[in-house]
Protein backbone atom coordinates (compact mmCIF):
# COMPACT_ATOMS: atom_id res chain seq x y z
CA MET A 1 -54.26 9.12 15.82
CA GLY A 2 -54.00 6.95 18.96
CA ALA A 3 -56.48 9.19 20.76
CA ALA A 4 -58.98 8.82 17.90
CA ILE A 5 -58.78 5.06 18.12
CA ASP A 6 -59.37 5.21 21.86
CA VAL A 7 -62.53 7.22 21.22
CA LEU A 8 -63.76 4.60 18.70
CA ALA A 9 -63.17 1.82 21.18
CA ASP A 10 -65.04 3.67 23.92
CA CYS A 11 -68.02 4.23 21.58
CA ALA A 12 -68.12 0.53 20.73
CA ARG A 13 -68.20 -0.37 24.40
CA ALA A 14 -71.00 2.15 25.02
CA ASP A 15 -73.09 0.61 22.24
CA ALA A 16 -72.61 -2.78 23.83
CA LEU A 17 -73.87 -1.47 27.18
CA ARG A 18 -76.97 0.09 25.58
CA SER A 19 -78.04 -3.30 24.09
CA PRO A 20 -81.03 -4.92 26.09
CA PRO A 21 -80.22 -7.90 28.32
CA ALA A 22 -80.94 -11.31 26.89
CA ALA A 23 -83.67 -11.99 29.49
CA GLU A 24 -85.66 -8.88 28.49
CA ALA A 25 -85.67 -9.61 24.82
CA PRO A 26 -88.50 -11.58 23.23
CA GLY A 27 -87.97 -15.16 24.16
CA GLY A 28 -85.17 -13.94 26.31
CA ALA A 29 -85.51 -16.44 29.12
CA GLN A 30 -85.62 -19.38 26.80
CA ALA A 31 -82.70 -18.04 24.81
CA ALA A 32 -80.75 -17.46 28.00
CA ASP A 33 -81.42 -21.01 29.16
CA ALA A 34 -80.24 -22.28 25.82
CA ALA A 35 -77.18 -20.05 25.97
CA ASP A 36 -76.32 -21.24 29.44
CA GLY A 37 -76.14 -24.70 28.10
CA LEU A 38 -74.22 -23.94 24.87
CA GLY A 39 -72.08 -20.78 25.74
CA PHE A 40 -71.76 -19.32 22.20
CA PRO A 41 -69.63 -16.11 22.08
CA ASP A 42 -70.67 -12.82 20.43
CA ILE A 43 -68.56 -13.19 17.22
CA PRO A 44 -69.08 -9.69 15.72
CA ARG A 45 -68.01 -8.01 18.96
CA LEU A 46 -64.79 -10.06 19.24
CA GLU A 47 -63.83 -9.28 15.65
CA LEU A 48 -64.35 -5.56 16.23
CA ASP A 49 -62.17 -5.60 19.37
CA GLN A 50 -59.40 -7.41 17.49
CA LEU A 51 -59.54 -4.93 14.62
CA LEU A 52 -59.39 -2.00 17.03
CA VAL A 53 -56.35 -3.47 18.80
CA GLN A 54 -54.57 -4.06 15.48
CA LEU A 55 -55.43 -0.55 14.34
CA ARG A 56 -54.06 0.90 17.56
CA ASP A 57 -50.83 -1.11 17.21
CA ARG A 58 -50.41 0.05 13.64
CA ALA A 59 -50.97 3.63 14.73
CA ASP A 60 -48.33 3.27 17.44
CA ASP A 61 -45.91 1.92 14.85
CA VAL A 62 -46.64 4.87 12.56
CA LEU A 63 -46.08 7.33 15.40
CA ALA A 64 -42.81 5.60 16.34
CA ALA A 65 -41.66 5.69 12.71
CA GLN A 66 -42.56 9.37 12.50
CA GLY A 67 -40.53 10.02 15.65
CA ARG A 68 -37.52 8.20 14.25
CA LEU A 69 -37.86 10.03 10.95
CA ARG A 70 -37.88 13.35 12.78
CA GLY A 71 -34.82 12.19 14.71
CA LEU A 72 -33.06 11.26 11.47
CA LEU A 73 -33.86 14.64 9.96
CA ARG A 74 -32.54 16.41 13.07
CA ALA A 75 -29.39 14.29 12.94
CA ASN A 76 -28.88 15.08 9.25
CA ALA A 77 -29.30 18.81 9.91
CA LEU A 78 -26.82 18.62 12.79
CA VAL A 79 -24.22 16.72 10.77
CA ALA A 80 -24.47 19.08 7.79
CA GLY A 81 -24.39 22.23 9.92
CA ASP A 82 -20.61 22.76 9.98
CA LEU A 83 -17.64 22.65 7.61
CA SER A 84 -14.87 21.98 10.11
CA LEU A 85 -13.95 18.30 9.77
CA PRO A 86 -13.20 17.68 13.49
CA VAL A 87 -16.53 19.28 14.42
CA VAL A 88 -18.39 17.25 11.77
CA LEU A 89 -16.91 13.98 13.07
CA ARG A 90 -17.92 14.81 16.63
CA GLN A 91 -21.46 15.71 15.56
CA ILE A 92 -21.82 12.45 13.60
CA VAL A 93 -20.97 10.42 16.69
CA ASP A 94 -23.32 12.39 18.96
CA ALA A 95 -26.16 12.27 16.43
CA ALA A 96 -25.84 8.50 15.90
CA ARG A 97 -25.82 7.86 19.65
CA ASP A 98 -29.01 9.86 20.18
CA LEU A 99 -30.76 8.53 17.07
CA VAL A 100 -30.64 4.82 17.95
CA GLY A 101 -30.54 5.25 21.72
CA ALA A 102 -27.07 3.78 22.23
CA ARG A 103 -25.04 4.21 25.42
CA TYR A 104 -21.71 4.32 23.53
CA ALA A 105 -20.86 5.47 19.99
CA ALA A 106 -17.66 5.95 18.04
CA LEU A 107 -16.40 6.77 14.56
CA GLY A 108 -13.17 5.13 13.42
CA VAL A 109 -11.37 6.96 10.60
CA LEU A 110 -9.22 4.79 8.34
CA GLY A 111 -5.67 5.79 7.44
CA ARG A 112 -3.74 5.08 4.24
CA ASP A 113 -2.41 1.84 5.74
CA GLY A 114 -5.91 0.52 6.43
CA GLU A 115 -5.66 0.93 10.21
CA LEU A 116 -7.67 3.30 12.36
CA GLU A 117 -6.06 6.74 12.16
CA GLN A 118 -8.62 8.51 14.38
CA PHE A 119 -11.14 7.25 16.89
CA VAL A 120 -13.83 9.78 17.86
CA HIS A 121 -15.99 8.43 20.67
CA ALA A 122 -18.87 9.46 22.95
CA GLY A 123 -20.43 8.01 26.10
CA MET A 124 -17.32 7.65 28.31
CA ASP A 125 -15.97 10.35 30.60
CA GLU A 126 -12.34 11.47 30.43
CA LYS A 127 -11.29 9.61 33.58
CA LEU A 128 -12.58 6.31 32.21
CA VAL A 129 -10.87 6.89 28.86
CA ALA A 130 -7.59 7.68 30.63
CA ALA A 131 -7.89 4.52 32.74
CA ILE A 132 -8.45 2.32 29.66
CA GLY A 133 -5.32 3.68 27.94
CA ASP A 134 -4.63 3.65 24.21
CA LEU A 135 -7.51 4.04 21.80
CA PRO A 136 -8.46 1.07 19.58
CA LYS A 137 -6.24 0.37 16.56
CA GLY A 138 -8.76 -1.59 14.50
CA ARG A 139 -8.49 -5.19 15.73
CA GLY A 140 -11.18 -7.72 16.67
CA ILE A 141 -14.73 -6.77 15.68
CA LEU A 142 -13.56 -3.29 14.66
CA GLY A 143 -11.01 -4.86 12.34
CA LEU A 144 -13.70 -7.12 10.87
CA LEU A 145 -15.60 -4.06 9.72
CA VAL A 146 -12.39 -2.60 8.30
CA SER A 147 -11.71 -5.71 6.21
CA GLU A 148 -15.39 -6.30 5.35
CA PRO A 149 -17.13 -2.90 5.17
CA VAL A 150 -20.74 -4.10 5.41
CA PRO A 151 -23.33 -3.46 8.16
CA LEU A 152 -22.89 -5.77 11.17
CA ARG A 153 -25.45 -6.29 13.98
CA LEU A 154 -24.72 -8.54 16.96
CA ASP A 155 -26.72 -9.36 20.08
CA ASP A 156 -23.58 -10.40 21.99
CA LEU A 157 -20.36 -8.62 21.06
CA SER A 158 -18.05 -10.84 23.11
CA GLY A 159 -19.60 -14.04 21.72
CA HIS A 160 -18.44 -13.41 18.15
CA GLN A 161 -15.44 -15.45 16.99
CA ALA A 162 -13.62 -12.28 15.82
CA SER A 163 -13.89 -10.60 19.22
CA ALA A 164 -10.50 -9.64 20.74
CA GLY A 165 -11.90 -8.87 24.20
CA PHE A 166 -11.65 -5.64 26.17
CA PRO A 167 -8.70 -4.04 27.99
CA PRO A 168 -8.79 -3.80 31.81
CA GLY A 169 -11.19 -1.15 33.08
CA HIS A 170 -13.32 -1.19 29.93
CA PRO A 171 -17.10 -1.09 30.59
CA PRO A 172 -19.08 -4.21 29.57
CA MET A 173 -20.70 -4.15 26.13
CA SER A 174 -23.08 -6.69 24.60
CA GLY A 175 -25.28 -5.39 21.77
CA PHE A 176 -23.32 -4.03 18.78
CA LEU A 177 -24.20 -2.25 15.56
CA GLY A 178 -21.59 -1.20 13.00
CA VAL A 179 -22.02 0.42 9.59
CA PRO A 180 -19.41 1.76 7.11
CA VAL A 181 -19.24 5.46 6.24
CA ARG A 182 -18.53 5.92 2.55
CA ILE A 183 -17.54 8.89 0.42
CA GLY A 184 -18.47 7.69 -3.05
CA GLU A 185 -16.63 4.40 -3.48
CA GLU A 186 -14.09 5.21 -0.75
CA VAL A 187 -14.63 3.86 2.76
CA PHE A 188 -13.83 6.78 5.06
CA GLY A 189 -14.36 4.81 8.26
CA ASN A 190 -16.92 2.97 10.33
CA LEU A 191 -19.67 3.98 12.76
CA TYR A 192 -19.83 1.83 15.91
CA LEU A 193 -22.78 1.69 18.36
CA THR A 194 -23.10 -0.44 21.50
CA GLU A 195 -25.49 -0.96 24.44
CA ARG A 196 -29.09 0.18 23.83
CA PHE A 197 -30.50 2.37 26.56
CA ARG A 198 -33.83 0.49 26.32
CA GLY A 199 -32.08 -2.84 26.66
CA GLY A 200 -32.10 -5.77 24.31
CA GLU A 201 -30.41 -6.02 20.94
CA PHE A 202 -30.38 -3.50 18.14
CA THR A 203 -33.23 -3.96 15.68
CA ALA A 204 -33.41 -3.93 11.91
CA ASP A 205 -34.96 -0.44 12.16
CA ASP A 206 -31.93 0.72 14.17
CA GLU A 207 -29.68 -0.66 11.45
CA GLN A 208 -31.60 1.14 8.70
CA LEU A 209 -31.44 4.42 10.63
CA ALA A 210 -27.68 4.02 11.16
CA ILE A 211 -27.16 3.26 7.45
CA ALA A 212 -29.18 6.35 6.47
CA LEU A 213 -27.20 8.53 8.90
CA ALA A 214 -23.91 7.08 7.60
CA ALA A 215 -24.89 8.10 4.06
CA ALA A 216 -25.59 11.66 5.19
CA ALA A 217 -22.36 11.63 7.20
CA GLY A 218 -20.37 10.65 4.12
CA ALA A 219 -21.71 13.65 2.20
CA ALA A 220 -21.00 15.98 5.14
CA ILE A 221 -17.45 14.66 5.48
CA ALA A 222 -16.85 15.11 1.75
CA ASN A 223 -17.98 18.75 2.00
CA ALA A 224 -15.78 19.33 5.05
CA ARG A 225 -12.81 17.78 3.25
CA ARG A 226 -13.28 20.00 0.22
CA PHE A 227 -13.52 23.07 2.45
CA ALA A 228 -10.40 22.06 4.39
CA GLU A 229 -8.49 21.51 1.13
CA SER A 230 -9.53 24.92 -0.19
CA GLU A 231 -8.38 26.56 3.04
CA GLN A 232 -5.08 24.71 2.90
CA ARG A 233 -4.53 25.70 -0.70
CA ARG A 234 -5.11 29.31 0.34
CA ARG A 235 -2.46 28.99 3.07
CA TRP A 236 0.07 27.53 0.62
CA LEU A 237 -0.64 30.27 -1.94
CA ASP A 238 -0.26 32.95 0.77
CA ALA A 239 3.04 31.39 1.88
CA SER A 240 4.35 31.30 -1.69
CA ALA A 241 3.21 34.87 -2.33
CA GLU A 242 5.07 36.14 0.77
CA LEU A 243 8.21 34.06 0.30
CA THR A 244 8.84 34.68 -3.41
CA PRO A 245 9.38 38.49 -3.16
CA LEU A 246 11.75 37.98 -0.22
CA LEU A 247 13.86 35.53 -2.20
CA LEU A 248 13.82 37.62 -5.37
CA SER A 249 14.82 40.78 -3.52
CA GLY A 250 18.19 39.29 -2.68
CA GLU A 251 17.83 40.64 0.87
CA ALA A 252 16.96 37.30 2.46
CA MET A 253 19.91 36.55 4.73
CA GLN A 254 19.00 32.88 5.21
CA PRO A 255 16.80 31.65 2.36
CA HIS A 256 16.80 28.05 3.63
CA ALA A 257 15.49 29.11 7.05
CA LEU A 258 12.83 31.27 5.42
CA MET A 259 11.62 28.44 3.21
CA THR A 260 11.48 26.00 6.12
CA ARG A 261 9.47 28.33 8.35
CA PHE A 262 6.99 29.34 5.67
CA ALA A 263 6.45 25.71 4.65
CA ALA A 264 5.92 24.59 8.26
CA ALA A 265 3.34 27.33 8.80
CA ALA A 266 1.47 26.57 5.56
CA ALA A 267 1.41 22.81 6.21
CA ASP A 268 0.43 23.21 9.87
CA ALA A 269 3.41 20.98 10.63
CA ASP A 270 4.79 20.14 14.07
CA PHE A 271 8.30 20.03 12.62
CA ALA A 272 10.11 20.68 9.35
CA THR A 273 13.65 20.30 8.02
CA LEU A 274 15.52 21.36 4.89
CA THR A 275 18.27 19.04 3.67
CA VAL A 276 20.87 19.82 0.98
CA PRO A 277 23.58 17.72 -0.70
CA CYS A 278 26.92 17.60 1.13
CA GLY A 279 29.65 16.18 -1.03
CA ALA A 280 29.02 13.40 -3.51
CA ASP A 281 27.28 10.88 -1.28
CA GLN A 282 25.95 12.69 1.79
CA VAL A 283 23.26 15.17 2.80
CA ILE A 284 23.15 17.64 5.68
CA VAL A 285 20.23 19.32 7.48
CA THR A 286 20.79 23.08 7.11
CA SER A 287 17.54 24.42 8.55
CA VAL A 288 14.82 23.24 10.93
CA ALA A 289 11.50 24.49 12.30
CA GLY A 290 9.80 23.28 15.45
CA VAL A 291 11.23 22.26 18.80
CA LEU A 292 11.16 18.56 17.94
CA ALA A 293 13.53 18.97 15.00
CA ALA A 294 16.06 21.23 16.75
CA GLY A 295 18.39 18.31 17.43
CA MET A 296 18.51 17.39 13.72
CA LEU A 297 20.26 20.63 12.68
CA ASN A 298 23.65 19.99 11.02
CA GLN A 299 23.12 16.21 11.08
CA THR A 300 24.55 14.35 8.11
CA ALA A 301 23.37 11.11 6.52
CA ALA A 302 24.15 8.94 3.54
CA LEU A 303 22.45 10.15 0.38
CA ALA A 304 21.21 6.66 -0.50
CA ASP A 305 19.85 5.81 2.97
CA SER A 306 18.13 9.06 3.89
CA PRO A 307 14.47 9.63 2.86
CA ALA A 308 15.38 13.23 2.04
CA GLY A 309 18.38 11.98 0.08
CA GLN A 310 16.18 9.71 -1.98
CA ALA A 311 13.92 12.65 -2.86
CA ILE A 312 17.03 14.61 -3.91
CA ARG A 313 18.28 11.70 -6.05
CA THR A 314 14.95 11.03 -7.77
CA GLY A 315 13.57 14.57 -7.83
CA LYS A 316 10.13 13.21 -6.93
CA PRO A 317 7.91 14.07 -3.92
CA VAL A 318 7.10 11.20 -1.60
CA LEU A 319 4.74 10.44 1.28
CA VAL A 320 6.85 8.46 3.75
CA THR A 321 5.27 5.66 5.81
CA GLY A 322 6.51 2.46 7.39
CA GLU A 323 10.21 2.01 8.17
CA GLY A 324 11.29 5.42 6.89
CA ARG A 325 8.82 7.14 9.17
CA GLU A 326 9.86 5.00 12.15
CA ALA A 327 13.53 5.92 11.67
CA ILE A 328 12.71 9.63 11.73
CA ALA A 329 10.43 9.12 14.74
CA VAL A 330 13.40 7.60 16.61
CA ALA A 331 15.53 10.64 15.73
CA LEU A 332 12.79 12.99 16.95
CA GLY A 333 12.00 10.98 20.06
CA ALA A 334 8.25 11.08 19.29
CA GLY A 335 5.73 9.19 17.18
CA THR A 336 4.91 10.71 13.81
CA GLY A 337 2.28 10.31 11.16
CA PRO A 338 3.01 10.11 7.41
CA LEU A 339 5.81 12.50 6.37
CA VAL A 340 5.79 14.78 3.33
CA ILE A 341 9.16 15.12 1.54
CA VAL A 342 9.37 17.33 -1.55
CA PRO A 343 12.43 18.20 -3.67
CA LEU A 344 13.57 21.78 -4.34
CA ALA A 345 13.88 21.27 -8.09
CA ALA A 346 14.36 23.87 -10.80
CA SER A 347 15.93 23.71 -14.27
CA GLU A 348 16.40 19.94 -13.95
CA GLN A 349 18.57 20.44 -10.88
CA VAL A 350 17.60 19.48 -7.31
CA HIS A 351 18.99 21.89 -4.70
CA GLY A 352 17.62 20.11 -1.63
CA ALA A 353 14.51 18.60 -0.03
CA LEU A 354 11.87 19.83 2.42
CA MET A 355 10.47 17.41 4.99
CA LEU A 356 7.21 18.18 6.84
CA GLY A 357 5.65 16.11 9.62
CA ARG A 358 3.05 15.98 12.36
CA LEU A 359 2.82 14.00 15.55
CA ALA A 360 1.04 10.65 15.40
CA SER A 361 -1.81 12.00 17.54
CA ARG A 362 -2.80 14.47 14.81
CA PRO A 363 -4.42 13.86 11.41
CA GLY A 364 -1.81 12.63 8.94
CA TYR A 365 -0.90 14.12 5.59
CA THR A 366 -2.57 12.93 2.39
CA GLY A 367 -1.75 12.87 -1.29
CA THR A 368 -3.39 16.29 -1.67
CA ASP A 369 -1.05 17.73 0.96
CA LEU A 370 1.90 16.23 -0.93
CA ASP A 371 0.84 17.90 -4.19
CA MET A 372 0.45 21.33 -2.57
CA ALA A 373 3.81 21.09 -0.78
CA ALA A 374 5.54 20.03 -4.01
CA SER A 375 4.10 23.03 -5.84
CA PHE A 376 5.32 25.38 -3.08
CA ALA A 377 8.81 23.86 -3.17
CA ALA A 378 9.01 24.20 -6.95
CA HIS A 379 8.05 27.88 -6.80
CA ALA A 380 10.59 28.53 -4.04
CA ALA A 381 13.37 26.77 -5.97
CA VAL A 382 12.64 28.81 -9.11
CA ALA A 383 12.65 32.02 -7.05
CA MET A 384 16.06 31.10 -5.60
CA GLU A 385 17.46 30.45 -9.07
CA LEU A 386 16.10 33.75 -10.36
CA ALA A 387 17.61 35.57 -7.38
CA GLN A 388 20.98 33.92 -8.07
CA ALA A 389 20.74 34.82 -11.76
CA ARG A 390 20.02 38.43 -10.84
CA ALA A 391 23.00 38.48 -8.47
CA ASP A 392 25.23 37.09 -11.24
CA GLN A 393 23.94 39.74 -13.64
CA ILE A 394 24.72 42.51 -11.15
CA MET A 395 28.19 41.07 -10.61
CA LEU A 396 28.84 41.04 -14.36
CA ALA A 397 27.72 44.66 -14.60
CA GLN A 398 30.05 45.58 -11.75
CA ALA A 399 32.91 43.76 -13.48
CA GLU A 400 32.29 45.78 -16.64
CA ASP A 401 32.32 48.99 -14.60
CA ARG A 402 35.59 47.99 -12.99
CA ASP A 403 37.13 47.26 -16.39
CA ARG A 404 36.01 50.67 -17.62
CA ILE A 405 37.40 52.42 -14.55
CA ALA A 406 40.67 50.50 -14.84
CA GLY A 407 40.96 51.53 -18.48
CA ASP A 408 40.32 55.18 -17.65
CA LEU A 409 42.90 55.11 -14.87
CA HIS A 410 45.49 53.53 -17.15
CA ASP A 411 44.82 55.56 -20.25
CA HIS A 412 44.20 58.97 -18.70
CA VAL A 413 45.10 59.36 -15.03
CA ILE A 414 48.46 57.54 -15.09
CA GLN A 415 49.50 59.24 -18.32
CA GLU A 416 48.69 62.68 -16.93
CA LEU A 417 50.54 61.93 -13.68
CA PHE A 418 53.50 60.67 -15.69
CA ALA A 419 53.51 63.86 -17.78
CA LEU A 420 53.31 65.91 -14.58
CA GLY A 421 56.32 64.05 -13.20
CA MET A 422 58.34 64.69 -16.37
CA THR A 423 57.49 68.39 -16.15
CA LEU A 424 58.57 68.56 -12.53
CA GLN A 425 61.86 66.82 -13.35
CA GLY A 426 62.49 69.45 -16.07
CA HIS A 427 61.90 72.24 -13.54
CA ALA A 428 64.22 70.52 -11.06
CA ALA A 429 67.05 70.51 -13.60
CA ARG A 430 66.75 74.28 -13.96
CA SER A 431 66.38 75.07 -10.26
CA ASP A 432 68.83 75.60 -7.42
CA PRO A 433 69.89 72.48 -5.46
CA ALA A 434 67.44 73.07 -2.59
CA ALA A 435 64.46 73.52 -4.87
CA ALA A 436 65.60 70.61 -7.03
CA ALA A 437 65.70 68.30 -4.00
CA LEU A 438 62.21 69.40 -3.02
CA VAL A 439 60.85 68.83 -6.53
CA SER A 440 62.56 65.42 -6.70
CA GLY A 441 60.71 64.45 -3.52
CA TYR A 442 57.43 65.40 -5.20
CA VAL A 443 58.37 63.29 -8.21
CA ASP A 444 59.09 60.27 -5.96
CA THR A 445 55.68 60.74 -4.35
CA LEU A 446 54.07 60.76 -7.79
CA ASP A 447 55.90 57.52 -8.62
CA GLU A 448 54.46 55.91 -5.47
CA VAL A 449 50.97 57.16 -6.38
CA ILE A 450 51.34 55.69 -9.87
CA LYS A 451 52.41 52.33 -8.39
CA LYS A 452 49.35 52.29 -6.11
CA ILE A 453 47.05 53.16 -8.98
CA ARG A 454 48.55 50.34 -11.05
CA THR A 455 47.96 47.95 -8.14
CA SER A 456 44.35 49.12 -7.96
CA ILE A 457 43.99 48.64 -11.70
CA PHE A 458 45.28 45.07 -11.33
CA GLY A 459 42.73 44.43 -8.60
CA LEU A 460 39.94 45.87 -10.69
CA GLN A 461 40.88 43.73 -13.66
CA GLN A 462 40.85 40.42 -11.72
CA PRO A 463 38.08 38.08 -12.92
CA ARG A 464 34.93 38.52 -10.83
CA GLN A 465 33.18 35.29 -9.98
CA VAL A 466 30.53 34.22 -7.55
CA PRO A 467 32.20 34.20 -4.11
CA ALA A 468 33.41 30.78 -3.01
CA GLY A 469 32.07 29.14 0.12
CA LEU A 470 33.23 30.36 3.51
CA PRO A 471 35.60 27.41 4.20
CA ALA A 472 37.31 27.94 0.83
CA ARG A 473 37.77 31.65 1.54
CA VAL A 474 39.25 30.88 4.96
CA MET A 475 41.67 28.48 3.29
CA GLU A 476 42.73 31.28 0.91
CA ILE A 477 43.61 33.50 3.88
CA ILE A 478 45.60 30.67 5.48
CA ASP A 479 47.49 30.17 2.20
CA GLU A 480 48.23 33.90 2.06
CA HIS A 481 49.90 33.77 5.50
CA THR A 482 51.81 30.52 5.00
CA ALA A 483 54.94 32.34 3.80
CA GLN A 484 54.89 34.77 6.75
CA LEU A 485 54.29 32.03 9.30
CA GLY A 486 56.85 29.66 7.84
CA PHE A 487 54.39 26.76 7.97
CA THR A 488 50.81 25.86 7.07
CA ALA A 489 48.24 26.27 9.83
CA ASP A 490 46.04 23.32 10.78
CA VAL A 491 42.36 23.92 10.02
CA SER A 492 39.08 22.21 10.80
CA PHE A 493 35.46 23.00 9.87
CA ALA A 494 32.12 21.78 11.22
CA GLY A 495 28.52 22.62 10.38
CA PRO A 496 26.76 24.07 7.28
CA LEU A 497 29.21 26.94 6.82
CA ASP A 498 28.51 27.40 3.10
CA ALA A 499 24.77 27.94 3.52
CA GLY A 500 24.74 29.43 7.04
CA PRO A 501 26.45 32.85 7.46
CA ASP A 502 25.36 35.68 5.19
CA GLU A 503 27.88 37.85 3.33
CA ALA A 504 28.17 40.50 6.06
CA LEU A 505 28.92 37.94 8.76
CA ALA A 506 31.29 36.03 6.45
CA HIS A 507 33.20 39.27 5.85
CA ASP A 508 33.69 39.73 9.61
CA ILE A 509 34.80 36.11 10.06
CA LEU A 510 37.41 36.51 7.30
CA ALA A 511 38.61 39.82 8.71
CA VAL A 512 39.09 38.37 12.20
CA THR A 513 40.93 35.34 10.75
CA ARG A 514 43.24 37.59 8.73
CA GLU A 515 43.99 39.86 11.70
CA ALA A 516 44.71 36.94 14.04
CA LEU A 517 47.07 35.18 11.61
CA SER A 518 48.82 38.45 10.82
CA ASN A 519 49.43 39.11 14.53
CA CYS A 520 50.69 35.56 14.99
CA ALA A 521 53.12 35.91 12.07
CA ARG A 522 54.49 39.25 13.35
CA HIS A 523 54.68 38.73 17.10
CA ALA A 524 54.02 35.16 18.32
CA ARG A 525 57.16 33.31 17.10
CA ALA A 526 54.95 30.22 16.90
CA SER A 527 55.75 26.93 15.23
CA ALA A 528 52.13 25.75 15.01
CA VAL A 529 48.71 27.38 14.62
CA ALA A 530 45.33 25.66 14.71
CA VAL A 531 42.23 27.30 13.19
CA SER A 532 38.76 25.89 13.98
CA LEU A 533 35.52 27.23 12.51
CA VAL A 534 32.26 25.68 13.75
CA LEU A 535 28.57 26.48 13.09
CA GLN A 536 26.16 24.82 15.51
CA ASP A 537 22.69 25.82 16.72
CA GLY A 538 22.97 29.19 15.00
CA LEU A 539 26.28 30.09 16.71
CA VAL A 540 29.53 30.56 14.77
CA THR A 541 32.68 29.87 16.79
CA LEU A 542 36.13 30.80 15.42
CA ASP A 543 38.97 29.43 17.53
CA ILE A 544 42.63 30.25 16.70
CA THR A 545 45.36 28.81 18.93
CA ASP A 546 49.14 29.10 18.60
CA ASN A 547 52.10 27.79 20.65
CA GLY A 548 54.08 31.02 20.59
CA ILE A 549 55.40 33.32 23.32
CA GLY A 550 51.99 34.64 24.27
CA LEU A 551 50.15 37.87 23.74
CA GLY A 552 52.02 39.88 26.35
CA THR A 553 51.12 43.56 26.51
CA PRO A 554 50.25 44.70 23.00
CA ALA A 555 51.81 47.99 21.91
CA ARG A 556 48.51 48.86 20.35
CA SER A 557 45.12 47.24 20.82
CA SER A 558 43.36 48.36 17.65
CA GLY A 559 43.38 44.81 16.24
CA LEU A 560 41.88 43.27 19.37
CA ALA A 561 39.38 46.12 19.64
CA SER A 562 38.31 45.53 16.05
CA MET A 563 37.76 41.81 16.76
CA ARG A 564 35.70 42.65 19.84
CA ARG A 565 33.66 45.22 17.94
CA ARG A 566 32.90 42.77 15.12
CA ALA A 567 31.78 40.12 17.63
CA LYS A 568 29.51 42.56 19.48
CA ARG A 569 27.70 43.77 16.38
CA ASN A 570 26.96 40.14 15.46
CA GLY A 571 25.59 39.28 18.91
CA GLY A 572 28.69 37.32 19.92
CA THR A 573 31.72 37.51 22.21
CA PHE A 574 35.50 37.74 22.00
CA GLU A 575 38.11 36.62 24.47
CA HIS A 576 41.84 35.83 24.44
CA THR A 577 43.40 33.43 26.92
CA ALA A 578 46.74 31.73 27.54
CA PRO A 579 46.59 27.91 27.33
CA ALA A 580 48.33 25.90 30.06
CA GLY A 581 51.09 24.84 27.65
CA GLY A 582 51.81 28.41 26.54
CA GLY A 583 50.84 30.43 23.51
CA THR A 584 47.65 32.32 22.82
CA ARG A 585 44.07 31.27 22.20
CA LEU A 586 41.55 33.61 20.56
CA THR A 587 37.87 32.62 20.76
CA TRP A 588 35.46 34.69 18.66
CA THR A 589 31.72 33.95 18.40
CA ALA A 590 28.79 35.40 16.45
CA ARG A 591 25.10 34.65 15.99
CA LEU A 592 23.54 33.99 12.59
CA HIS A 593 21.34 36.85 11.44
CA GLN A 594 17.69 35.80 11.86
CA PRO A 595 15.34 36.25 8.88
CA PRO A 596 11.94 37.92 9.42
CA GLN A 597 9.14 35.72 10.76
CA PRO A 598 6.48 34.77 8.18
CA GLY A 599 3.24 36.67 8.65
CA LEU A 600 0.85 33.99 7.47
CA GLN A 601 -2.84 34.21 8.21
CA GLN A 602 -4.10 31.26 10.16
CA ALA A 603 -7.01 29.36 8.74
């Protein structure tokens, strides 16, 4: 269009040149003399030139507007071209910077507390960003847009009364343009632009372009959020689908560890813990995931003061911010974002609480994350209850079988053995003395067999209940040996011993304890025995010390060999030493059996 106007202007000038001079026209000389005296301009020609100039300016404006419109369309296509939220945010910043010709651009994402949670920027190299230090938190002019989410255009950024200045090393900035990015009625964040490449202040056209791009950005962010939520729901469903069969099978050696690991993988968490009630007014961390949380294992806290304890008391999921988050950050030694804590609730009973967290540098959890985690925890708790109910049902069936076997032994086997004994005694009375003595020996053997069978029947008929916790079972063994020892052994426990060792490992721990106390009662001549059982960092340590005469040279080593064999098959060690003050010290260790790693697909 500009070229066409140039052609029209050139034609007009050519027509002017073809017009005859004033002197050659009829009466030209006289007219020229008159003109020299008066100097009247050629009015039609001046009006035409002015119209052509205005037309050319309008055409330039149209071309510029078309260029900006094409730029806006390209920016919209770029912003809508991906569904990954981090990629979308980066493309919004780059597109806005190119569209209005700004040297620097940034997108501040608002968190639940109203402060900037993310700050995606463009225009500064990495060295400059590192020299400036921490990213903005939403103060000064940036905070003004947070509190008043309306477009803001300034010709001098530092001259505004809300300006908080720049940190050392920050490049100078004067012109500023900021517009809010909305998703429906929600303000997602703000788009910031500074320093026009062409110089001067941002124009009203720049502001309108930024507002239009912000509207397209809001739609793109909403789509990316919905896609991210669908992917996260898929991860949670996959985790639940893999975990539930493991819990229901009854083969999961450490259900708490399994739940913690699957939840951490599904939530893309940097750390996770599982806390259970410990006594009437305390809680203890029984399982952790992530290097950051390793130091929290076996830590106890007051039920009323702990965020996990509050979730256990109320049975409600919670998104922890503020002071609760800061206390956990101190325990971890690193800054954290909002924390998700969900109760393991089933049948109106809360068995524990899962806590999931990310570092402060990563996107924080939202209410949607909380809902998905709560649903996972509820499914896991129900699966654990079903597994326990199945185990109880199997135990009842076994008890019925034992009762039936005991009845058969009493009603049939013992009676037949008794009849056999009576028959043998009758033959002995009619036999010679040598044969009678031999038969009497057989009858005595039958009496011993009958006694053993009756003992077995008594054992079979004992009430079968769910096994007590490991500390309680150790105490039973100590009580059993009190009469043989002549005193009660001292005992101490530490760590989550009820929830930690599985049944196979617990059986070995009890067997080693029984063997050690039995040896002490028979050979040590001790007046004191101390038993210590500790579970820490996945290692079980059983320490039994007496003040007796020492181990000496055992007549047989089968007991010690059995202890060593049990330690080896559990990945532990066994050693016996003589303390400086005399006596014997047995130290037996074992590793907790590790559950299988979750095979979750990564989104």
